Amino acid sequence: MPAIRSGHVTAFFMYDVADAIDLQAVPSLTTHTVAARLAPRPPTPAYVQYKQPPLSIDGEAIGIAEIAGFRVRFKIFDCEPLSAQERDDVRRHRISYLVNDLVVPTWNAALVYDNEAGAQAAIEILEFANSQLLEFRYYDELLDAELARIYAQLQVTGWFQNWVGRRYTRAARQVHSLFIDVNELTDKTENALKIAGDVYAARLFGLAAARLGLDQWKANVREKLKTLDDIYRFAVEQTSMARGEILELTLSRS
C-alpha cells in the first residue's frame, strides 16, 4: 500500500431518545438536512507499571486550551509490540474491496483506509451497525426491567386477588402490550437498512456487526421476548382457572 499522508478520526456519540422519529417533519425544523446515501476495573496495583512511561502535554502549552468547552490534554505512548496472536486476530477481521483500501473494525473502534468517498461509505455502515447495537441494548435493558416488575407483580399474595385472578389479567394485558411493542420495534430495526446488490457493503456490515456482538444482543432480546410470551400464556391460563373456580363455586352454592 502507498504511504498514509492524511487521515481523520470519527467518533460516534449516540443517544436513544424515542421509539420513532418522523423523518419527513425534520426538514421543517431545520434547513440543514441532507439525505444520507451509501456509495456502490479496580485501582491498578503498584506492581503494574509502564515499561516506557507515556508523556503528557497540556493543551494550553501548545495553544489548544479548550475544545467545545472541554480542557484538552495529550498523552503520548510508546507502545510495546503486539503479540503474534493479537496481530493475527486483527488481521483475520479485516476487509478490502480493492488492493488499496482496508477496513478493520473492532468492538469499540475501526480503522478505515480509503479515499474520501470510500471512507464515507464505510463510516455510514459502521454508524448504522452501532445504531443497531444501541437499539438492541436499549430493548434488552427495557425487557430486564419489565420482567423484574412483572415477576414481582405475579408474586404478590392476597386471597382476594388470587381468587378473582385480577392480577393475572392485568399482568397478561401489560405483557401482551409490551411483547407487541418491542417485537414491532425490533422488526423495524432489523429492516431499517436493505443492502441489495452490494456484496461488499453487506460483508462489511456483517463483519462490523460480528465484532460488535450484535447477534448476541439480538438473541438476548428474542429470548426475553419468548419469556414474555410464556408469562403471557401463563397469566391467561391462571386467569381462566380462577374464573372457572369462581363459576364452579357459584354453581355449587346455587
Protein backbone atom coordinates (compact mmCIF):
# COMPACT_ATOMS: atom_id res chain seq x y z
CA MET A 1 0.00 0.00 0.00
CA PRO A 2 1.14 3.60 -0.56
CA ALA A 3 2.25 5.67 2.42
CA ILE A 4 -0.54 7.22 4.50
CA ARG A 5 -0.46 11.00 4.01
CA SER A 6 -3.56 12.07 5.88
CA GLY A 7 -6.43 10.73 7.94
CA HIS A 8 -9.05 11.66 10.47
CA VAL A 9 -10.88 10.20 13.44
CA THR A 10 -14.68 9.96 13.55
CA ALA A 11 -16.28 9.47 16.98
CA PHE A 12 -19.90 8.36 17.33
CA PHE A 13 -21.97 9.68 20.24
CA MET A 14 -25.40 8.06 20.04
CA TYR A 15 -28.45 8.59 22.23
CA ASP A 16 -31.76 6.81 22.14
CA VAL A 17 -34.43 9.50 22.59
CA ALA A 18 -37.65 7.98 21.22
CA ASP A 19 -39.29 4.86 19.82
CA ALA A 20 -39.94 6.54 16.46
CA ILE A 21 -38.89 9.65 14.51
CA ASP A 22 -40.92 11.43 11.84
CA LEU A 23 -38.12 11.99 9.32
CA GLN A 24 -40.37 13.92 6.94
CA ALA A 25 -41.03 16.50 9.65
CA VAL A 26 -37.35 17.14 10.34
CA PRO A 27 -36.71 19.46 7.31
CA SER A 28 -39.45 21.77 8.58
CA LEU A 29 -37.49 22.23 11.80
CA THR A 30 -34.10 22.93 10.21
CA THR A 31 -32.86 23.54 6.68
CA HIS A 32 -29.51 21.87 7.30
CA THR A 33 -30.55 18.36 6.35
CA VAL A 34 -29.03 16.05 3.74
CA ALA A 35 -30.23 12.55 2.95
CA ALA A 36 -27.51 10.02 3.71
CA ARG A 37 -26.54 7.73 0.86
CA LEU A 38 -24.44 4.61 0.69
CA ALA A 39 -21.90 4.63 -2.12
CA PRO A 40 -21.82 1.39 -4.84
CA ARG A 41 -11.83 -2.11 36.90
CA PRO A 42 -10.24 -1.76 40.46
CA PRO A 43 -7.25 0.61 41.05
CA THR A 44 -4.05 -0.53 39.36
CA PRO A 45 -1.77 -2.34 41.82
CA ALA A 46 1.66 -0.90 42.49
CA TYR A 47 3.46 -3.73 40.74
CA VAL A 48 1.80 -2.85 37.41
CA GLN A 49 3.92 -0.11 35.89
CA TYR A 50 4.78 1.24 32.44
CA LYS A 51 7.98 -0.08 30.99
CA GLN A 52 8.17 3.12 28.94
CA PRO A 53 6.11 5.85 30.70
CA PRO A 54 3.93 7.97 28.40
CA LEU A 55 4.38 11.72 28.02
CA SER A 56 1.53 14.08 28.95
CA ILE A 57 1.14 17.52 27.35
CA ASP A 58 -1.37 20.14 28.49
CA GLY A 59 -3.24 21.59 25.55
CA GLU A 60 -2.69 25.14 26.76
CA ALA A 61 1.03 24.71 26.30
CA ILE A 62 0.59 24.28 22.55
CA GLY A 63 -2.20 26.78 22.04
CA ILE A 64 -5.17 24.38 22.37
CA ALA A 65 -6.50 25.10 25.83
CA GLU A 66 -10.11 24.08 25.15
CA ILE A 67 -12.25 22.39 22.53
CA ALA A 68 -16.02 22.91 22.79
CA GLY A 69 -15.60 23.87 26.44
CA PHE A 70 -13.53 20.82 27.31
CA ARG A 71 -9.98 21.06 28.63
CA VAL A 72 -7.51 19.33 26.33
CA ARG A 73 -4.65 17.10 27.37
CA PHE A 74 -2.46 14.96 25.16
CA LYS A 75 -0.79 11.75 26.28
CA ILE A 76 1.85 10.20 24.06
CA PHE A 77 2.55 6.48 24.37
CA ASP A 78 5.46 4.44 23.11
CA CYS A 79 3.57 1.11 22.96
CA GLU A 80 5.15 -2.35 23.18
CA PRO A 81 4.87 -4.60 20.00
CA LEU A 82 1.60 -6.59 19.84
CA SER A 83 1.82 -10.33 20.31
CA ALA A 84 1.60 -12.54 17.24
CA GLN A 85 -1.77 -13.84 18.46
CA GLU A 86 -3.21 -10.33 18.73
CA ARG A 87 -1.87 -9.33 15.31
CA ASP A 88 -3.33 -12.47 13.76
CA ASP A 89 -6.71 -11.75 15.35
CA VAL A 90 -6.78 -8.20 13.96
CA ARG A 91 -5.70 -9.31 10.50
CA ARG A 92 -8.35 -12.00 10.43
CA HIS A 93 -11.13 -9.45 10.95
CA ARG A 94 -10.42 -7.12 8.06
CA ILE A 95 -12.00 -6.47 4.69
CA SER A 96 -10.82 -4.89 1.44
CA TYR A 97 -12.59 -4.16 -1.81
CA LEU A 98 -9.54 -3.09 -3.84
CA VAL A 99 -5.84 -3.57 -3.25
CA ASN A 100 -5.50 -0.04 -1.86
CA ASP A 101 -8.33 0.09 0.70
CA LEU A 102 -8.84 -1.52 4.09
CA VAL A 103 -11.38 -1.59 6.92
CA VAL A 104 -10.52 -3.17 10.28
CA PRO A 105 -13.49 -2.96 12.70
CA THR A 106 -13.24 -3.82 16.39
CA TRP A 107 -15.78 -3.73 19.20
CA ASN A 108 -15.10 -0.08 20.10
CA ALA A 109 -13.26 1.45 17.12
CA ALA A 110 -12.42 0.90 13.46
CA LEU A 111 -9.58 1.70 11.08
CA VAL A 112 -10.71 2.87 7.63
CA TYR A 113 -8.06 3.30 4.92
CA ASP A 114 -9.63 4.54 1.70
CA ASN A 115 -10.30 7.59 -0.44
CA GLU A 116 -12.80 10.15 0.84
CA ALA A 117 -15.85 8.63 -0.89
CA GLY A 118 -14.99 5.08 0.11
CA ALA A 119 -14.26 6.10 3.71
CA GLN A 120 -17.57 7.95 3.98
CA ALA A 121 -19.48 4.89 2.71
CA ALA A 122 -17.70 2.69 5.27
CA ILE A 123 -18.44 5.18 8.06
CA GLU A 124 -22.14 5.16 7.17
CA ILE A 125 -22.24 1.37 7.51
CA LEU A 126 -20.24 1.38 10.75
CA GLU A 127 -22.51 4.07 12.16
CA PHE A 128 -25.61 2.07 11.28
CA ALA A 129 -24.16 -1.06 12.89
CA ASN A 130 -23.53 0.93 16.08
CA SER A 131 -27.06 2.34 16.00
CA GLN A 132 -28.36 -1.24 15.81
CA LEU A 133 -26.25 -2.13 18.85
CA LEU A 134 -27.64 0.87 20.74
CA GLU A 135 -31.23 -0.10 19.94
CA PHE A 136 -30.92 -3.74 20.97
CA ARG A 137 -29.04 -2.83 24.16
CA TYR A 138 -31.91 -0.47 24.98
CA TYR A 139 -34.52 -3.17 24.33
CA ASP A 140 -32.53 -5.65 26.41
CA GLU A 141 -32.39 -3.25 29.35
CA LEU A 142 -36.08 -2.39 28.97
CA LEU A 143 -37.08 -6.06 28.95
CA ASP A 144 -34.94 -6.76 32.04
CA ALA A 145 -36.73 -4.02 33.96
CA GLU A 146 -40.18 -5.08 32.78
CA LEU A 147 -39.61 -8.76 33.51
CA ALA A 148 -38.45 -7.93 37.04
CA ARG A 149 -41.53 -5.77 37.59
CA ILE A 150 -43.93 -8.37 36.21
CA TYR A 151 -42.36 -11.19 38.25
CA ALA A 152 -42.83 -9.10 41.40
CA GLN A 153 -46.43 -8.35 40.46
CA LEU A 154 -47.27 -12.00 39.88
CA GLN A 155 -45.81 -12.97 43.27
CA VAL A 156 -47.96 -10.55 45.27
CA THR A 157 -50.04 -12.53 47.78
CA GLY A 158 -53.63 -11.78 48.63
CA TRP A 159 -56.60 -14.13 48.80
CA PHE A 160 -58.98 -11.78 47.02
CA GLN A 161 -56.62 -11.04 44.12
CA ASN A 162 -55.69 -14.70 43.82
CA TRP A 163 -59.34 -15.74 43.86
CA VAL A 164 -60.66 -13.45 41.16
CA GLY A 165 -57.45 -13.53 39.09
CA ARG A 166 -57.26 -9.76 38.60
CA ARG A 167 -53.51 -9.55 38.98
CA TYR A 168 -53.08 -12.20 36.29
CA THR A 169 -55.46 -10.35 34.00
CA ARG A 170 -53.58 -7.08 34.48
CA ALA A 171 -50.19 -8.78 34.06
CA ALA A 172 -51.35 -10.55 30.90
CA ARG A 173 -52.55 -7.28 29.40
CA GLN A 174 -49.27 -5.49 30.22
CA VAL A 175 -47.12 -8.36 28.99
CA HIS A 176 -49.02 -8.70 25.74
CA SER A 177 -48.79 -4.95 25.05
CA LEU A 178 -45.05 -4.89 25.76
CA PHE A 179 -44.47 -8.01 23.66
CA ILE A 180 -46.19 -6.44 20.64
CA ASP A 181 -44.38 -3.09 21.04
CA VAL A 182 -40.87 -4.50 21.40
CA ASN A 183 -41.39 -7.14 18.71
CA GLU A 184 -42.56 -4.46 16.27
CA LEU A 185 -39.67 -2.15 17.11
CA THR A 186 -37.06 -4.89 16.75
CA ASP A 187 -38.50 -5.88 13.37
CA LYS A 188 -38.27 -2.27 12.21
CA THR A 189 -34.70 -2.04 13.49
CA GLU A 190 -33.61 -5.18 11.64
CA ASN A 191 -35.27 -3.99 8.41
CA ALA A 192 -34.06 -0.39 8.61
CA LEU A 193 -31.24 -0.97 6.12
CA LYS A 194 -31.56 -3.07 3.00
CA ILE A 195 -28.27 -3.77 1.22
CA ALA A 196 -29.25 -5.13 -2.17
CA GLY A 197 -26.77 -5.80 -4.95
CA ASP A 198 -23.73 -4.57 -3.00
CA VAL A 199 -21.93 -7.64 -1.74
CA TYR A 200 -19.04 -5.66 -0.28
CA ALA A 201 -21.33 -3.41 1.77
CA ALA A 202 -23.19 -6.45 3.07
CA ARG A 203 -19.92 -8.15 4.01
CA LEU A 204 -18.67 -5.01 5.78
CA PHE A 205 -21.89 -4.69 7.76
CA GLY A 206 -21.76 -8.38 8.67
CA LEU A 207 -18.16 -8.08 9.86
CA ALA A 208 -18.84 -4.93 11.87
CA ALA A 209 -21.95 -6.49 13.41
CA ALA A 210 -19.98 -9.60 14.38
CA ARG A 211 -17.25 -7.53 16.04
CA LEU A 212 -19.88 -5.58 17.99
CA GLY A 213 -21.58 -8.80 19.12
CA LEU A 214 -24.83 -7.63 17.53
CA ASP A 215 -26.17 -11.16 17.00
CA GLN A 216 -25.77 -11.92 20.71
CA TRP A 217 -27.72 -8.82 21.70
CA LYS A 218 -30.44 -9.75 19.20
CA ALA A 219 -30.54 -13.27 20.65
CA ASN A 220 -30.86 -11.84 24.18
CA VAL A 221 -33.83 -9.72 23.13
CA ARG A 222 -35.50 -12.62 21.31
CA GLU A 223 -35.05 -14.89 24.34
CA LYS A 224 -36.61 -12.32 26.66
CA LEU A 225 -39.47 -11.78 24.23
CA LYS A 226 -40.06 -15.55 24.34
CA THR A 227 -40.07 -15.37 28.13
CA LEU A 228 -42.64 -12.59 27.94
CA ASP A 229 -44.78 -14.72 25.67
CA ASP A 230 -44.56 -17.62 28.14
CA ILE A 231 -45.57 -15.32 31.01
CA TYR A 232 -48.49 -14.03 28.98
CA ARG A 233 -49.74 -17.56 28.33
CA PHE A 234 -49.28 -18.44 31.99
CA ALA A 235 -51.21 -15.36 33.13
CA VAL A 236 -54.06 -16.09 30.72
CA GLU A 237 -54.19 -19.70 31.93
CA GLN A 238 -54.23 -18.66 35.59
CA THR A 239 -56.97 -16.13 34.92
CA SER A 240 -59.10 -18.76 33.20
CA MET A 241 -58.57 -21.18 36.07
CA ALA A 242 -59.50 -18.55 38.66
CA ARG A 243 -62.65 -17.65 36.79
CA GLY A 244 -63.53 -21.33 36.39
CA GLU A 245 -63.19 -21.86 40.14
CA ILE A 246 -65.42 -18.88 40.85
CA LEU A 247 -68.06 -20.17 38.44
CA GLU A 248 -67.89 -23.65 39.91
CA LEU A 249 -68.22 -22.29 43.46
CA THR A 250 -71.15 -20.11 42.43
CA LEU A 251 -72.96 -23.01 40.77
CA SER A 252 -72.38 -25.33 43.74
CA ARG A 253 -73.83 -22.78 46.16
CA SER A 254 -76.84 -22.13 43.97
